[in-house]
Each structure stands twice: as structure tokens, then as C-alpha cells.
PDB file of N, CA and C in Angstrom:
ATOM      1  N   MET A   1       0.856  -1.161   0.003  1.00  0.00           N
ATOM      2  CA  MET A   1      -0.002  -0.005   0.002  1.00  0.00           C
ATOM      3  C   MET A   1       0.901   1.238   0.007  1.00  0.00           C
ATOM      4  N   THR A   2       0.603   2.169  -0.886  1.00  0.00           N
ATOM      5  CA  THR A   2       1.415   3.385  -0.951  1.00  0.00           C
ATOM      6  C   THR A   2       1.055   4.301   0.220  1.00  0.00           C
ATOM      7  N   SER A   3       1.969   5.234   0.450  1.00  0.00           N
ATOM      8  CA  SER A   3       1.773   6.170   1.533  1.00  0.00           C
ATOM      9  C   SER A   3       0.507   6.986   1.377  1.00  0.00           C
ATOM     10  N   SER A   4       0.224   7.405   0.145  1.00  0.00           N
ATOM     11  CA  SER A   4      -0.997   8.208  -0.067  1.00  0.00           C
ATOM     12  C   SER A   4      -2.241   7.357   0.137  1.00  0.00           C
ATOM     13  N   THR A   5      -2.215   6.124  -0.287  1.00  0.00           N
ATOM     14  CA  THR A   5      -3.348   5.221  -0.076  1.00  0.00           C
ATOM     15  C   THR A   5      -3.576   4.975   1.405  1.00  0.00           C
ATOM     16  N   SER A   6      -2.506   4.782   2.134  1.00  0.00           N
ATOM     17  CA  SER A   6      -2.572   4.586   3.577  1.00  0.00           C
ATOM     18  C   SER A   6      -3.159   5.796   4.263  1.00  0.00           C
ATOM     19  N   ASP A   7      -2.740   6.988   3.852  1.00  0.00           N
ATOM     20  CA  ASP A   7      -3.285   8.214   4.422  1.00  0.00           C
ATOM     21  C   ASP A   7      -4.789   8.323   4.161  1.00  0.00           C
ATOM     22  N   LYS A   8      -5.171   7.994   2.914  1.00  0.00           N
ATOM     23  CA  LYS A   8      -6.603   8.097   2.576  1.00  0.00           C
ATOM     24  C   LYS A   8      -7.437   7.101   3.366  1.00  0.00           C
ATOM     25  N   ALA A   9      -6.925   5.858   3.501  1.00  0.00           N
ATOM     26  CA  ALA A   9      -7.642   4.823   4.246  1.00  0.00           C
ATOM     27  C   ALA A   9      -7.782   5.203   5.706  1.00  0.00           C
ATOM     28  N   SER A  10      -6.688   5.663   6.298  1.00  0.00           N
ATOM     29  CA  SER A  10      -6.745   6.101   7.704  1.00  0.00           C
ATOM     30  C   SER A  10      -7.696   7.262   7.891  1.00  0.00           C
ATOM     31  N   GLY A  11      -7.640   8.155   6.905  1.00  0.00           N
ATOM     32  CA  GLY A  11      -8.529   9.315   6.962  1.00  0.00           C
ATOM     33  C   GLY A  11     -10.001   8.940   6.912  1.00  0.00           C
ATOM     34  N   MET A  12     -10.340   8.008   6.038  1.00  0.00           N
ATOM     35  CA  MET A  12     -11.749   7.575   5.944  1.00  0.00           C
ATOM     36  C   MET A  12     -12.160   6.854   7.223  1.00  0.00           C
ATOM     37  N   ALA A  13     -11.264   6.085   7.819  1.00  0.00           N
ATOM     38  CA  ALA A  13     -11.608   5.418   9.059  1.00  0.00           C
ATOM     39  C   ALA A  13     -11.824   6.413  10.203  1.00  0.00           C
ATOM     40  N   ASN A  14     -10.934   7.393  10.277  1.00  0.00           N
ATOM     41  CA  ASN A  14     -11.076   8.400  11.343  1.00  0.00           C
ATOM     42  C   ASN A  14     -12.337   9.227  11.139  1.00  0.00           C
ATOM     43  N   GLU A  15     -12.625   9.564   9.892  1.00  0.00           N
ATOM     44  CA  GLU A  15     -13.813  10.358   9.607  1.00  0.00           C
ATOM     45  C   GLU A  15     -15.079   9.574   9.976  1.00  0.00           C
ATOM     46  N   ALA A  16     -15.103   8.286   9.617  1.00  0.00           N
ATOM     47  CA  ALA A  16     -16.284   7.470   9.935  1.00  0.00           C
ATOM     48  C   ALA A  16     -16.445   7.311  11.450  1.00  0.00           C
ATOM     49  N   THR A  17     -15.343   7.041  12.144  1.00  0.00           N
ATOM     50  CA  THR A  17     -15.400   6.900  13.609  1.00  0.00           C
ATOM     51  C   THR A  17     -15.877   8.192  14.242  1.00  0.00           C
ATOM     52  N   GLY A  18     -15.368   9.301  13.741  1.00  0.00           N
ATOM     53  CA  GLY A  18     -15.773  10.600  14.258  1.00  0.00           C
ATOM     54  C   GLY A  18     -17.273  10.836  14.083  1.00  0.00           C
ATOM     55  N   ASN A  19     -17.782  10.448  12.932  1.00  0.00           N
ATOM     56  CA  ASN A  19     -19.221  10.629  12.677  1.00  0.00           C
ATOM     57  C   ASN A  19     -20.066   9.742  13.603  1.00  0.00           C
ATOM     58  N   VAL A  20     -19.603   8.516  13.854  1.00  0.00           N
ATOM     59  CA  VAL A  20     -20.307   7.635  14.784  1.00  0.00           C
ATOM     60  C   VAL A  20     -20.327   8.231  16.177  1.00  0.00           C
ATOM     61  N   LYS A  21     -19.161   8.722  16.607  1.00  0.00           N
ATOM     62  CA  LYS A  21     -19.109   9.353  17.951  1.00  0.00           C
ATOM     63  C   LYS A  21     -20.056  10.529  18.043  1.00  0.00           C
ATOM     64  N   GLN A  22     -20.125  11.333  17.011  1.00  0.00           N
ATOM     65  CA  GLN A  22     -21.046  12.475  17.011  1.00  0.00           C
ATOM     66  C   GLN A  22     -22.507  12.014  17.095  1.00  0.00           C
ATOM     67  N   GLY A  23     -22.814  10.953  16.374  1.00  0.00           N
ATOM     68  CA  GLY A  23     -24.193  10.435  16.429  1.00  0.00           C
ATOM     69  C   GLY A  23     -24.532   9.934  17.806  1.00  0.00           C
ATOM     70  N   ILE A  24     -23.620   9.210  18.438  1.00  0.00           N
ATOM     71  CA  ILE A  24     -23.870   8.710  19.799  1.00  0.00           C
ATOM     72  C   ILE A  24     -24.001   9.888  20.736  1.00  0.00           C
ATOM     73  N   ALA A  25     -23.173  10.896  20.543  1.00  0.00           N
ATOM     74  CA  ALA A  25     -23.206  12.087  21.409  1.00  0.00           C
ATOM     75  C   ALA A  25     -24.554  12.800  21.337  1.00  0.00           C
ATOM     76  N   LYS A  26     -25.127  12.868  20.151  1.00  0.00           N
ATOM     77  CA  LYS A  26     -26.416  13.507  19.991  1.00  0.00           C
ATOM     78  C   LYS A  26     -27.509  12.749  20.733  1.00  0.00           C
ATOM     79  N   VAL A  27     -27.430  11.406  20.698  1.00  0.00           N
ATOM     80  CA  VAL A  27     -28.423  10.602  21.384  1.00  0.00           C
ATOM     81  C   VAL A  27     -28.257  10.707  22.898  1.00  0.00           C
ATOM     82  N   THR A  28     -27.017  10.706  23.368  1.00  0.00           N
ATOM     83  CA  THR A  28     -26.759  10.718  24.821  1.00  0.00           C
ATOM     84  C   THR A  28     -26.649  12.125  25.386  1.00  0.00           C
ATOM     85  N   GLY A  29     -26.505  13.120  24.526  1.00  0.00           N
ATOM     86  CA  GLY A  29     -26.367  14.490  25.008  1.00  0.00           C
ATOM     87  C   GLY A  29     -24.975  14.837  25.498  1.00  0.00           C
ATOM     88  N   SER A  30     -23.988  14.013  25.135  1.00  0.00           N
ATOM     89  CA  SER A  30     -22.611  14.222  25.599  1.00  0.00           C
ATOM     90  C   SER A  30     -21.888  15.239  24.720  1.00  0.00           C
ATOM     91  N   ARG A  31     -21.681  16.415  25.235  1.00  0.00           N
ATOM     92  CA  ARG A  31     -20.948  17.451  24.492  1.00  0.00           C
ATOM     93  C   ARG A  31     -19.485  17.065  24.316  1.00  0.00           C
ATOM     94  N   GLU A  32     -18.960  16.400  25.324  1.00  0.00           N
ATOM     95  CA  GLU A  32     -17.548  15.984  25.260  1.00  0.00           C
ATOM     96  C   GLU A  32     -17.328  14.956  24.123  1.00  0.00           C
ATOM     97  N   LEU A  33     -18.217  13.991  24.026  1.00  0.00           N
ATOM     98  CA  LEU A  33     -18.090  13.003  22.970  1.00  0.00           C
ATOM     99  C   LEU A  33     -18.338  13.609  21.615  1.00  0.00           C
ATOM    100  N   GLU A  34     -19.255  14.566  21.532  1.00  0.00           N
ATOM    101  CA  GLU A  34     -19.506  15.262  20.267  1.00  0.00           C
ATOM    102  C   GLU A  34     -18.263  16.024  19.806  1.00  0.00           C
ATOM    103  N   ALA A  35     -17.593  16.695  20.722  1.00  0.00           N
ATOM    104  CA  ALA A  35     -16.373  17.424  20.388  1.00  0.00           C
ATOM    105  C   ALA A  35     -15.273  16.474  19.967  1.00  0.00           C
ATOM    106  N   GLU A  36     -15.171  15.374  20.669  1.00  0.00           N
ATOM    107  CA  GLU A  36     -14.166  14.375  20.334  1.00  0.00           C
ATOM    108  C   GLU A  36     -14.420  13.783  18.940  1.00  0.00           C
ATOM    109  N   GLY A  37     -15.684  13.553  18.655  1.00  0.00           N
ATOM    110  CA  GLY A  37     -16.045  13.018  17.348  1.00  0.00           C
ATOM    111  C   GLY A  37     -15.761  14.025  16.231  1.00  0.00           C
ATOM    112  N   ARG A  38     -16.068  15.266  16.490  1.00  0.00           N
ATOM    113  CA  ARG A  38     -15.798  16.319  15.485  1.00  0.00           C
ATOM    114  C   ARG A  38     -14.297  16.435  15.223  1.00  0.00           C
ATOM    115  N   ALA A  39     -13.511  16.396  16.289  1.00  0.00           N
ATOM    116  CA  ALA A  39     -12.048  16.475  16.153  1.00  0.00           C
ATOM    117  C   ALA A  39     -11.524  15.285  15.329  1.00  0.00           C
ATOM    118  N   GLN A  40     -12.048  14.116  15.593  1.00  0.00           N
ATOM    119  CA  GLN A  40     -11.598  12.939  14.878  1.00  0.00           C
ATOM    120  C   GLN A  40     -12.050  12.995  13.404  1.00  0.00           C
ATOM    121  N   GLU A  41     -13.223  13.534  13.162  1.00  0.00           N
ATOM    122  CA  GLU A  41     -13.682  13.686  11.776  1.00  0.00           C
ATOM    123  C   GLU A  41     -12.758  14.652  11.015  1.00  0.00           C
ATOM    124  N   LEU A  42     -12.405  15.752  11.662  1.00  0.00           N
ATOM    125  CA  LEU A  42     -11.514  16.724  11.019  1.00  0.00           C
ATOM    126  C   LEU A  42     -10.126  16.130  10.755  1.00  0.00           C
ATOM    127  N   LYS A  43      -9.661  15.323  11.709  1.00  0.00           N
ATOM    128  CA  LYS A  43      -8.387  14.633  11.519  1.00  0.00           C
ATOM    129  C   LYS A  43      -8.456  13.758  10.275  1.00  0.00           C
ATOM    130  N   GLY A  44      -9.542  13.041  10.138  1.00  0.00           N
ATOM    131  CA  GLY A  44      -9.709  12.183   8.977  1.00  0.00           C
ATOM    132  C   GLY A  44      -9.745  12.969   7.672  1.00  0.00           C
ATOM    133  N   GLU A  45     -10.424  14.096   7.674  1.00  0.00           N
ATOM    134  CA  GLU A  45     -10.474  14.936   6.468  1.00  0.00           C
ATOM    135  C   GLU A  45      -9.072  15.428   6.116  1.00  0.00           C
ATOM    136  N   ALA A  46      -8.294  15.788   7.129  1.00  0.00           N
ATOM    137  CA  ALA A  46      -6.924  16.244   6.887  1.00  0.00           C
ATOM    138  C   ALA A  46      -6.060  15.133   6.341  1.00  0.00           C
ATOM    139  N   GLN A  47      -6.231  13.907   6.862  1.00  0.00           N
ATOM    140  CA  GLN A  47      -5.443  12.777   6.372  1.00  0.00           C
ATOM    141  C   GLN A  47      -5.776  12.495   4.898  1.00  0.00           C
ATOM    142  N   GLN A  48      -7.048  12.576   4.558  1.00  0.00           N
ATOM    143  CA  GLN A  48      -7.428  12.356   3.175  1.00  0.00           C
ATOM    144  C   GLN A  48      -6.855  13.438   2.265  1.00  0.00           C
ATOM    145  N   ALA A  49      -6.886  14.673   2.712  1.00  0.00           N
ATOM    146  CA  ALA A  49      -6.305  15.757   1.944  1.00  0.00           C
ATOM    147  C   ALA A  49      -4.814  15.553   1.733  1.00  0.00           C
ATOM    148  N   LEU A  50      -4.127  15.078   2.782  1.00  0.00           N
ATOM    149  CA  LEU A  50      -2.710  14.773   2.651  1.00  0.00           C
ATOM    150  C   LEU A  50      -2.458  13.704   1.609  1.00  0.00           C
ATOM    151  N   GLY A  51      -3.248  12.653   1.632  1.00  0.00           N
ATOM    152  CA  GLY A  51      -3.138  11.599   0.629  1.00  0.00           C
ATOM    153  C   GLY A  51      -3.340  12.125  -0.770  1.00  0.00           C
ATOM    154  N   ASP A  52      -4.331  12.974  -0.953  1.00  0.00           N
ATOM    155  CA  ASP A  52      -4.599  13.586  -2.276  1.00  0.00           C
ATOM    156  C   ASP A  52      -3.406  14.448  -2.709  1.00  0.00           C
ATOM    157  N   ALA A  53      -2.847  15.195  -1.783  1.00  0.00           N
ATOM    158  CA  ALA A  53      -1.695  16.053  -2.091  1.00  0.00           C
ATOM    159  C   ALA A  53      -0.490  15.203  -2.502  1.00  0.00           C
ATOM    160  N   LYS A  54      -0.278  14.115  -1.834  1.00  0.00           N
ATOM    161  CA  LYS A  54       0.814  13.219  -2.168  1.00  0.00           C
ATOM    162  C   LYS A  54       0.630  12.653  -3.577  1.00  0.00           C
ATOM    163  N   ASP A  55      -0.613  12.257  -3.886  1.00  0.00           N
ATOM    164  CA  ASP A  55      -0.873  11.754  -5.244  1.00  0.00           C
ATOM    165  C   ASP A  55      -0.597  12.812  -6.309  1.00  0.00           C
ATOM    166  N   LYS A  56      -1.042  14.025  -6.073  1.00  0.00           N
ATOM    167  CA  LYS A  56      -0.838  15.100  -7.025  1.00  0.00           C
ATOM    168  C   LYS A  56       0.655  15.430  -7.207  1.00  0.00           C
ATOM    169  N   THR A  57       1.386  15.386  -6.102  1.00  0.00           N
ATOM    170  CA  THR A  57       2.834  15.648  -6.182  1.00  0.00           C
ATOM    171  C   THR A  57       3.498  14.549  -6.971  1.00  0.00           C
ATOM    172  N   LYS A  58       3.146  13.305  -6.701  1.00  0.00           N
ATOM    173  CA  LYS A  58       3.746  12.178  -7.439  1.00  0.00           C
ATOM    174  C   LYS A  58       3.419  12.278  -8.921  1.00  0.00           C
ATOM    175  N   ASP A  59       2.173  12.617  -9.244  1.00  0.00           N
ATOM    176  CA  ASP A  59       1.789  12.752 -10.645  1.00  0.00           C
ATOM    177  C   ASP A  59       2.580  13.865 -11.336  1.00  0.00           C
ATOM    178  N   ALA A  60       2.784  14.989 -10.632  1.00  0.00           N
ATOM    179  CA  ALA A  60       3.548  16.084 -11.196  1.00  0.00           C
ATOM    180  C   ALA A  60       4.990  15.687 -11.426  1.00  0.00           C
ATOM    181  N   VAL A  61       5.588  14.963 -10.495  1.00  0.00           N
ATOM    182  CA  VAL A  61       6.991  14.531 -10.626  1.00  0.00           C
ATOM    183  C   VAL A  61       7.083  13.521 -11.772  1.00  0.00           C
ATOM    184  N   ASP A  62       6.126  12.645 -11.890  1.00  0.00           N
ATOM    185  CA  ASP A  62       6.149  11.631 -12.953  1.00  0.00           C
ATOM    186  C   ASP A  62       6.080  12.241 -14.362  1.00  0.00           C
ATOM    187  N   ARG A  63       5.465  13.417 -14.457  1.00  0.00           N
ATOM    188  CA  ARG A  63       5.350  14.082 -15.762  1.00  0.00           C
ATOM    189  C   ARG A  63       6.610  14.763 -16.189  1.00  0.00           C
ATOM    190  N   ILE A  64       7.524  14.963 -15.249  1.00  0.00           N
ATOM    191  CA  ILE A  64       8.776  15.668 -15.547  1.00  0.00           C
ATOM    192  C   ILE A  64       9.752  14.746 -16.237  1.00  0.00           C
TER     193      ILE A  64
END
């Protein structure tokens, strides 16, 4: 698995876990869990963006 693929996979997992935590937090009323879920979702989005950036950089280098 390439580094960019690994980043994207980890990002999707973190984003999904964050969304689940936010859903549970809404049902239970836990603001702490909601914040934790949102932070994990954002981490996942950032990891996916990093994977995309790595792909674009590799593509640009390959064209040279």
C-alpha cells in the first residue's frame, strides 16, 4: 500500500469513527463525545487531503 493510499484509508476510518461518535453524542447528550467526534472527523479529512496532495505531487513529478 502506498503512503498516499494509507493516508486516505486512515482518513476515511477516522472520519467514519468521528461521525459515529457524534451520532452517539447527539443521542446521549454528551458534548464531550460530540467534540471528540468532530475532532476525529476533522483529523480524517486532513489525512485524506494529505493523501490527495501526495498523489498530485507524485503525478507532477512523474510528468517531468
